[in-house]
Amino acid sequence: MPKTSAIERNKKRINLAAKFAAKRAELKAVLANPSATDEDFYAAQKQLQKLPRNSSPTRIRNRCALSGRPRGYKRKYGVSRLTFRELALAGKIPGVTKSSW
């Protein structure tokens, strides 16, 4: 089990990313607009840099919903590979069976 501080830090990043998503998208649209003036471009760039670093979606880490493990994350199921195996063997994930040949 990972440290609870790491899990809470990631939750904080998720909340910040959601809070600043609209503002970040608006500023990025100004930066991507080729008809924007230089003054508008640089002003948007400065405002974007002033946003909190943890509000960027790329800083969010995928973690297992049950154990909080950051590695071996199965995106389709939202759990780590170890938790996935336990749930699959217990028959708690529909449509997943242990393969054998």
N, C-alpha and C. Protein backbone atom coordinates (compact mmCIF):
# COMPACT_ATOMS: atom_id res chain seq x y z
N MET A 1 0.85 -1.19 0.00
CA MET A 1 0.00 0.00 0.00
C MET A 1 0.89 1.24 0.00
N PRO A 2 0.66 2.16 -0.93
CA PRO A 2 1.47 3.37 -0.98
C PRO A 2 1.13 4.32 0.16
N LYS A 3 1.99 5.29 0.33
CA LYS A 3 1.76 6.29 1.37
C LYS A 3 0.47 7.04 1.09
N THR A 4 -0.28 7.31 2.12
CA THR A 4 -1.54 8.03 1.94
C THR A 4 -1.29 9.45 1.46
N SER A 5 -0.12 10.01 1.78
CA SER A 5 0.18 11.37 1.33
C SER A 5 0.30 11.43 -0.19
N ALA A 6 0.84 10.36 -0.80
CA ALA A 6 0.96 10.32 -2.26
C ALA A 6 -0.41 10.23 -2.91
N ILE A 7 -1.29 9.46 -2.30
CA ILE A 7 -2.65 9.32 -2.84
C ILE A 7 -3.39 10.63 -2.71
N GLU A 8 -3.26 11.30 -1.56
CA GLU A 8 -3.93 12.58 -1.34
C GLU A 8 -3.38 13.67 -2.25
N ARG A 9 -2.08 13.65 -2.51
CA ARG A 9 -1.47 14.62 -3.42
C ARG A 9 -2.05 14.46 -4.82
N ASN A 10 -2.25 13.22 -5.23
CA ASN A 10 -2.83 12.97 -6.55
C ASN A 10 -4.28 13.43 -6.62
N LYS A 11 -5.04 13.24 -5.52
CA LYS A 11 -6.42 13.72 -5.47
C LYS A 11 -6.47 15.24 -5.58
N LYS A 12 -5.52 15.90 -4.93
CA LYS A 12 -5.42 17.35 -4.99
C LYS A 12 -5.16 17.81 -6.43
N ARG A 13 -4.29 17.09 -7.13
CA ARG A 13 -3.99 17.41 -8.53
C ARG A 13 -5.22 17.23 -9.41
N ILE A 14 -5.99 16.19 -9.15
CA ILE A 14 -7.21 15.95 -9.93
C ILE A 14 -8.19 17.09 -9.74
N ASN A 15 -8.37 17.52 -8.49
CA ASN A 15 -9.28 18.63 -8.19
C ASN A 15 -8.80 19.93 -8.82
N LEU A 16 -7.50 20.21 -8.75
CA LEU A 16 -6.96 21.44 -9.33
C LEU A 16 -7.10 21.43 -10.85
N ALA A 17 -6.86 20.29 -11.47
CA ALA A 17 -6.97 20.18 -12.93
C ALA A 17 -8.41 20.45 -13.37
N ALA A 18 -9.37 19.94 -12.61
CA ALA A 18 -10.78 20.18 -12.93
C ALA A 18 -11.15 21.64 -12.72
N LYS A 19 -10.61 22.24 -11.68
CA LYS A 19 -10.94 23.64 -11.34
C LYS A 19 -10.43 24.61 -12.41
N PHE A 20 -9.22 24.37 -12.92
CA PHE A 20 -8.60 25.30 -13.86
C PHE A 20 -8.70 24.85 -15.32
N ALA A 21 -9.47 23.80 -15.60
CA ALA A 21 -9.55 23.26 -16.96
C ALA A 21 -10.08 24.29 -17.95
N ALA A 22 -11.13 25.01 -17.59
CA ALA A 22 -11.73 25.97 -18.52
C ALA A 22 -10.77 27.13 -18.80
N LYS A 23 -10.15 27.65 -17.75
CA LYS A 23 -9.22 28.78 -17.91
C LYS A 23 -8.01 28.35 -18.74
N ARG A 24 -7.50 27.16 -18.46
CA ARG A 24 -6.34 26.65 -19.20
C ARG A 24 -6.69 26.46 -20.68
N ALA A 25 -7.87 25.94 -20.97
CA ALA A 25 -8.30 25.73 -22.36
C ALA A 25 -8.46 27.07 -23.08
N GLU A 26 -8.99 28.06 -22.38
CA GLU A 26 -9.18 29.39 -22.96
C GLU A 26 -7.83 30.01 -23.32
N LEU A 27 -6.86 29.93 -22.42
CA LEU A 27 -5.54 30.50 -22.67
C LEU A 27 -4.82 29.74 -23.78
N LYS A 28 -4.97 28.43 -23.80
CA LYS A 28 -4.32 27.64 -24.86
C LYS A 28 -4.93 27.93 -26.23
N ALA A 29 -6.22 28.27 -26.25
CA ALA A 29 -6.87 28.63 -27.52
C ALA A 29 -6.28 29.92 -28.06
N VAL A 30 -5.98 30.86 -27.17
CA VAL A 30 -5.35 32.11 -27.60
C VAL A 30 -3.96 31.83 -28.14
N LEU A 31 -3.23 30.95 -27.50
CA LEU A 31 -1.87 30.61 -27.95
C LEU A 31 -1.88 29.90 -29.30
N ALA A 32 -2.91 29.08 -29.55
CA ALA A 32 -2.99 28.32 -30.79
C ALA A 32 -3.57 29.14 -31.94
N ASN A 33 -4.17 30.28 -31.62
CA ASN A 33 -4.80 31.11 -32.64
C ASN A 33 -3.72 31.86 -33.44
N PRO A 34 -3.60 31.60 -34.75
CA PRO A 34 -2.55 32.28 -35.53
C PRO A 34 -2.83 33.77 -35.77
N SER A 35 -4.09 34.19 -35.63
CA SER A 35 -4.41 35.60 -35.87
C SER A 35 -4.30 36.45 -34.61
N ALA A 36 -3.87 35.87 -33.49
CA ALA A 36 -3.72 36.63 -32.24
C ALA A 36 -2.51 37.55 -32.35
N THR A 37 -2.64 38.72 -31.77
CA THR A 37 -1.52 39.68 -31.80
C THR A 37 -0.43 39.20 -30.85
N ASP A 38 0.75 39.77 -31.02
CA ASP A 38 1.86 39.39 -30.16
C ASP A 38 1.58 39.73 -28.70
N GLU A 39 0.93 40.87 -28.48
CA GLU A 39 0.63 41.28 -27.10
C GLU A 39 -0.33 40.28 -26.44
N ASP A 40 -1.37 39.87 -27.19
CA ASP A 40 -2.32 38.89 -26.66
C ASP A 40 -1.63 37.56 -26.38
N PHE A 41 -0.78 37.16 -27.30
CA PHE A 41 -0.06 35.90 -27.17
C PHE A 41 0.80 35.88 -25.91
N TYR A 42 1.59 36.94 -25.73
CA TYR A 42 2.49 36.97 -24.57
C TYR A 42 1.72 37.15 -23.26
N ALA A 43 0.61 37.86 -23.29
CA ALA A 43 -0.21 38.01 -22.09
C ALA A 43 -0.81 36.66 -21.69
N ALA A 44 -1.31 35.92 -22.69
CA ALA A 44 -1.87 34.60 -22.41
C ALA A 44 -0.80 33.65 -21.90
N GLN A 45 0.39 33.76 -22.46
CA GLN A 45 1.50 32.92 -22.04
C GLN A 45 1.87 33.18 -20.58
N LYS A 46 1.90 34.46 -20.20
CA LYS A 46 2.21 34.81 -18.81
C LYS A 46 1.14 34.32 -17.85
N GLN A 47 -0.13 34.46 -18.25
CA GLN A 47 -1.22 33.99 -17.39
C GLN A 47 -1.20 32.47 -17.24
N LEU A 48 -0.85 31.79 -18.31
CA LEU A 48 -0.77 30.33 -18.26
C LEU A 48 0.35 29.89 -17.32
N GLN A 49 1.45 30.61 -17.32
CA GLN A 49 2.57 30.27 -16.44
C GLN A 49 2.24 30.56 -14.97
N LYS A 50 1.31 31.47 -14.73
CA LYS A 50 0.95 31.81 -13.36
C LYS A 50 -0.02 30.82 -12.73
N LEU A 51 -0.62 29.98 -13.56
CA LEU A 51 -1.52 28.95 -13.02
C LEU A 51 -0.68 27.96 -12.19
N PRO A 52 -1.29 27.31 -11.20
CA PRO A 52 -0.55 26.32 -10.40
C PRO A 52 -0.05 25.16 -11.27
N ARG A 53 1.14 24.71 -11.00
CA ARG A 53 1.71 23.59 -11.77
C ARG A 53 0.86 22.34 -11.65
N ASN A 54 0.32 22.11 -10.46
CA ASN A 54 -0.47 20.90 -10.25
C ASN A 54 -1.84 20.96 -10.92
N SER A 55 -2.17 22.08 -11.56
CA SER A 55 -3.44 22.16 -12.28
C SER A 55 -3.31 21.61 -13.70
N SER A 56 -2.12 21.21 -14.08
CA SER A 56 -1.91 20.63 -15.40
C SER A 56 -2.33 19.16 -15.39
N PRO A 57 -3.13 18.73 -16.37
CA PRO A 57 -3.59 17.34 -16.38
C PRO A 57 -2.46 16.32 -16.55
N THR A 58 -1.32 16.73 -17.09
CA THR A 58 -0.23 15.77 -17.29
C THR A 58 0.44 15.39 -15.98
N ARG A 59 0.18 16.13 -14.91
CA ARG A 59 0.79 15.80 -13.61
C ARG A 59 -0.03 14.80 -12.82
N ILE A 60 -1.19 14.44 -13.33
CA ILE A 60 -2.05 13.46 -12.65
C ILE A 60 -1.51 12.06 -12.93
N ARG A 61 -1.41 11.26 -11.88
CA ARG A 61 -0.89 9.90 -12.00
C ARG A 61 -2.05 8.92 -11.94
N ASN A 62 -2.08 7.96 -12.87
CA ASN A 62 -3.09 6.91 -12.82
C ASN A 62 -2.77 5.99 -11.64
N ARG A 63 -3.75 5.80 -10.77
CA ARG A 63 -3.55 4.94 -9.61
C ARG A 63 -4.70 3.95 -9.50
N CYS A 64 -4.40 2.81 -8.92
CA CYS A 64 -5.40 1.77 -8.69
C CYS A 64 -6.49 2.31 -7.78
N ALA A 65 -7.74 2.07 -8.15
CA ALA A 65 -8.87 2.58 -7.36
C ALA A 65 -8.97 1.88 -6.01
N LEU A 66 -8.51 0.65 -5.90
CA LEU A 66 -8.64 -0.10 -4.65
C LEU A 66 -7.40 -0.01 -3.77
N SER A 67 -6.22 -0.20 -4.36
CA SER A 67 -5.00 -0.24 -3.54
C SER A 67 -4.20 1.06 -3.60
N GLY A 68 -4.40 1.87 -4.63
CA GLY A 68 -3.63 3.11 -4.77
C GLY A 68 -2.28 2.91 -5.44
N ARG A 69 -2.02 1.72 -5.93
CA ARG A 69 -0.73 1.40 -6.55
C ARG A 69 -0.56 2.18 -7.86
N PRO A 70 0.59 2.86 -8.05
CA PRO A 70 0.77 3.67 -9.26
C PRO A 70 1.29 2.90 -10.47
N ARG A 71 1.88 1.73 -10.26
CA ARG A 71 2.46 0.99 -11.38
C ARG A 71 1.55 -0.15 -11.80
N GLY A 72 1.68 -0.56 -13.05
CA GLY A 72 0.89 -1.70 -13.54
C GLY A 72 -0.59 -1.40 -13.60
N TYR A 73 -0.93 -0.19 -14.02
CA TYR A 73 -2.32 0.27 -14.02
C TYR A 73 -3.03 -0.21 -15.28
N LYS A 74 -4.17 -0.87 -15.12
CA LYS A 74 -5.01 -1.31 -16.24
C LYS A 74 -6.06 -0.23 -16.49
N ARG A 75 -5.89 0.52 -17.56
CA ARG A 75 -6.76 1.67 -17.82
C ARG A 75 -8.22 1.27 -18.00
N LYS A 76 -8.45 0.16 -18.68
CA LYS A 76 -9.82 -0.27 -18.97
C LYS A 76 -10.60 -0.58 -17.69
N TYR A 77 -9.90 -1.10 -16.68
CA TYR A 77 -10.57 -1.53 -15.45
C TYR A 77 -10.34 -0.58 -14.28
N GLY A 78 -9.34 0.28 -14.36
CA GLY A 78 -9.08 1.25 -13.30
C GLY A 78 -8.40 0.68 -12.08
N VAL A 79 -7.77 -0.49 -12.24
CA VAL A 79 -7.07 -1.11 -11.11
C VAL A 79 -5.68 -1.55 -11.56
N SER A 80 -4.83 -1.88 -10.58
CA SER A 80 -3.48 -2.35 -10.90
C SER A 80 -3.54 -3.81 -11.35
N ARG A 81 -2.45 -4.28 -11.89
CA ARG A 81 -2.40 -5.65 -12.41
C ARG A 81 -2.60 -6.68 -11.30
N LEU A 82 -2.10 -6.38 -10.11
CA LEU A 82 -2.23 -7.33 -9.00
C LEU A 82 -3.68 -7.42 -8.53
N THR A 83 -4.31 -6.26 -8.38
CA THR A 83 -5.71 -6.23 -7.97
C THR A 83 -6.59 -6.84 -9.05
N PHE A 84 -6.25 -6.56 -10.31
CA PHE A 84 -7.00 -7.12 -11.43
C PHE A 84 -6.97 -8.65 -11.38
N ARG A 85 -5.80 -9.20 -11.11
CA ARG A 85 -5.65 -10.66 -11.07
C ARG A 85 -6.48 -11.25 -9.94
N GLU A 86 -6.44 -10.60 -8.78
CA GLU A 86 -7.22 -11.09 -7.64
C GLU A 86 -8.72 -11.07 -7.94
N LEU A 87 -9.18 -9.96 -8.52
CA LEU A 87 -10.60 -9.83 -8.83
C LEU A 87 -11.02 -10.82 -9.92
N ALA A 88 -10.15 -11.02 -10.93
CA ALA A 88 -10.47 -11.93 -12.02
C ALA A 88 -10.55 -13.37 -11.51
N LEU A 89 -9.61 -13.76 -10.67
CA LEU A 89 -9.61 -15.13 -10.15
C LEU A 89 -10.79 -15.37 -9.22
N ALA A 90 -11.25 -14.30 -8.55
CA ALA A 90 -12.41 -14.43 -7.67
C ALA A 90 -13.71 -14.38 -8.47
N GLY A 91 -13.63 -14.08 -9.78
CA GLY A 91 -14.81 -14.04 -10.63
C GLY A 91 -15.62 -12.77 -10.47
N LYS A 92 -14.97 -11.69 -10.03
CA LYS A 92 -15.69 -10.44 -9.79
C LYS A 92 -15.64 -9.48 -10.98
N ILE A 93 -14.90 -9.85 -12.02
CA ILE A 93 -14.87 -9.04 -13.24
C ILE A 93 -15.57 -9.84 -14.32
N PRO A 94 -16.74 -9.37 -14.80
CA PRO A 94 -17.48 -10.15 -15.78
C PRO A 94 -16.74 -10.27 -17.11
N GLY A 95 -16.77 -11.47 -17.68
CA GLY A 95 -16.18 -11.71 -18.98
C GLY A 95 -14.69 -12.01 -18.95
N VAL A 96 -14.07 -11.99 -17.80
CA VAL A 96 -12.63 -12.26 -17.71
C VAL A 96 -12.43 -13.64 -17.10
N THR A 97 -11.71 -14.49 -17.82
CA THR A 97 -11.41 -15.83 -17.31
C THR A 97 -9.91 -16.07 -17.42
N LYS A 98 -9.42 -16.98 -16.62
CA LYS A 98 -8.02 -17.33 -16.66
C LYS A 98 -7.76 -18.15 -17.93
N SER A 99 -6.75 -17.72 -18.65
CA SER A 99 -6.48 -18.42 -19.90
C SER A 99 -5.64 -19.68 -19.65
N SER A 100 -5.87 -20.68 -20.49
CA SER A 100 -5.05 -21.90 -20.41
C SER A 100 -5.04 -22.52 -21.80
N TRP A 101 -3.90 -23.12 -22.17
CA TRP A 101 -3.82 -23.76 -23.49
C TRP A 101 -2.92 -24.95 -23.45
